[in-house]
Protein backbone atom coordinates (compact mmCIF):
# COMPACT_ATOMS: atom_id res chain seq x y z
CA MET A 1 59.75 60.24 -49.29
CA CYS A 2 58.08 60.89 -45.99
CA ARG A 3 54.50 60.94 -45.61
CA ASN A 4 54.45 62.72 -42.19
CA ILE A 5 56.21 65.67 -43.44
CA LYS A 6 53.59 68.29 -44.53
CA PRO A 7 54.02 71.39 -46.80
CA LEU A 8 54.68 74.55 -44.45
CA PHE A 9 54.68 77.14 -46.73
CA ASN A 10 52.09 79.90 -47.62
CA PHE A 11 49.62 79.25 -44.81
CA ASP A 12 47.82 81.63 -42.63
CA PRO A 13 48.88 81.54 -39.90
CA PRO A 14 52.55 80.91 -41.01
CA ALA A 15 54.53 77.81 -39.83
CA THR A 16 55.53 77.82 -36.21
CA ASP A 17 58.99 76.90 -35.04
CA GLU A 18 57.68 73.78 -33.34
CA GLU A 19 55.96 72.64 -36.71
CA ILE A 20 59.36 73.30 -38.34
CA HIS A 21 61.23 71.34 -35.62
CA ASP A 22 58.90 68.33 -35.93
CA ALA A 23 59.37 68.37 -39.83
CA ALA A 24 63.34 68.44 -39.36
CA LEU A 25 63.12 65.76 -36.66
CA GLN A 26 60.96 63.48 -38.88
CA PHE A 27 63.44 64.06 -41.90
CA VAL A 28 66.44 63.18 -39.51
CA ARG A 29 64.82 60.19 -38.37
CA LYS A 30 64.21 59.06 -41.93
CA LEU A 31 67.81 59.81 -42.91
CA SER A 32 69.24 57.86 -39.99
CA GLY A 33 66.80 54.94 -39.95
CA THR A 34 66.04 55.33 -36.33
CA THR A 35 63.60 57.14 -34.41
CA LYS A 36 65.70 57.29 -31.20
CA PRO A 37 69.57 57.65 -31.46
CA SER A 38 71.90 55.80 -29.18
CA LYS A 39 73.36 57.79 -26.50
CA ARG A 40 76.60 57.93 -28.46
CA ASN A 41 74.85 59.45 -31.46
CA GLU A 42 72.30 61.60 -29.68
CA ALA A 43 74.29 64.98 -29.84
CA ALA A 44 74.81 64.57 -33.59
CA PHE A 45 71.18 63.73 -34.15
CA GLU A 46 70.08 66.77 -32.20
CA ARG A 47 72.68 68.85 -34.04
CA ALA A 48 71.28 67.62 -37.45
CA VAL A 49 67.53 68.44 -36.28
CA GLY A 50 68.62 71.85 -35.16
CA SER A 51 70.58 72.63 -38.37
CA ILE A 52 67.81 71.44 -40.57
CA ALA A 53 65.13 73.39 -38.69
CA ALA A 54 67.17 76.52 -38.97
CA CYS A 55 67.81 75.91 -42.91
CA ALA A 56 63.89 75.17 -43.27
CA ARG A 57 62.83 78.40 -41.32
CA GLU A 58 65.44 80.43 -43.44
CA LEU A 59 63.92 78.76 -46.67
CA LEU A 60 60.21 79.50 -45.57
CA ASP A 61 60.98 83.03 -44.73
CA SER A 62 62.78 83.77 -47.85
CA MET A 63 60.11 82.26 -50.33
CA GLU A 64 57.76 84.48 -52.00
CA THR A 65 54.38 83.68 -53.77
CA SER A 66 51.60 85.69 -55.50
CA GLN A 67 48.84 83.13 -54.30
CA PRO A 68 46.77 84.02 -51.28
CA PRO A 69 47.85 81.94 -48.09
CA ARG A 70 46.11 78.81 -47.74
CA ASP A 71 43.77 78.06 -44.89
CA ARG A 72 45.13 75.27 -42.45
CA GLU A 73 41.67 73.93 -41.54
CA GLU A 74 40.50 73.83 -45.27
CA VAL A 75 43.83 71.79 -46.17
CA ALA A 76 43.24 69.34 -43.17
CA ALA A 77 39.58 68.91 -44.06
CA LYS A 78 40.63 67.92 -47.69
CA ALA A 79 43.25 65.55 -46.36
CA ARG A 80 40.82 64.04 -43.95
CA ALA A 81 38.22 63.48 -47.07
CA ARG A 82 41.14 62.01 -49.10
CA ASN A 83 41.92 59.54 -46.24
CA ALA A 84 38.23 58.74 -45.64
CA VAL A 85 37.92 57.44 -49.28
CA ARG A 86 41.41 55.79 -49.27
CA PHE A 87 40.87 53.86 -45.98
CA ALA A 88 37.15 53.40 -46.23
């Protein structure tokens, strides 16, 4: 759906509130079809971002796994390697 929304579960250190907010913002932008809402829709847009961020935080906090936490730098390095091959 949205290439800019990255998985946030099972990382060490855990996802920050800012990362969750950014993912929620990207999701709302995708759904609404706009990156910046009009003044008339700004309050609804921000409410949606806050609501989705809260639900995402609740989801991430309640999920469990038996897998060890993933290393953020290792995952980022793999993504950079994939992109280097893809866009080379």
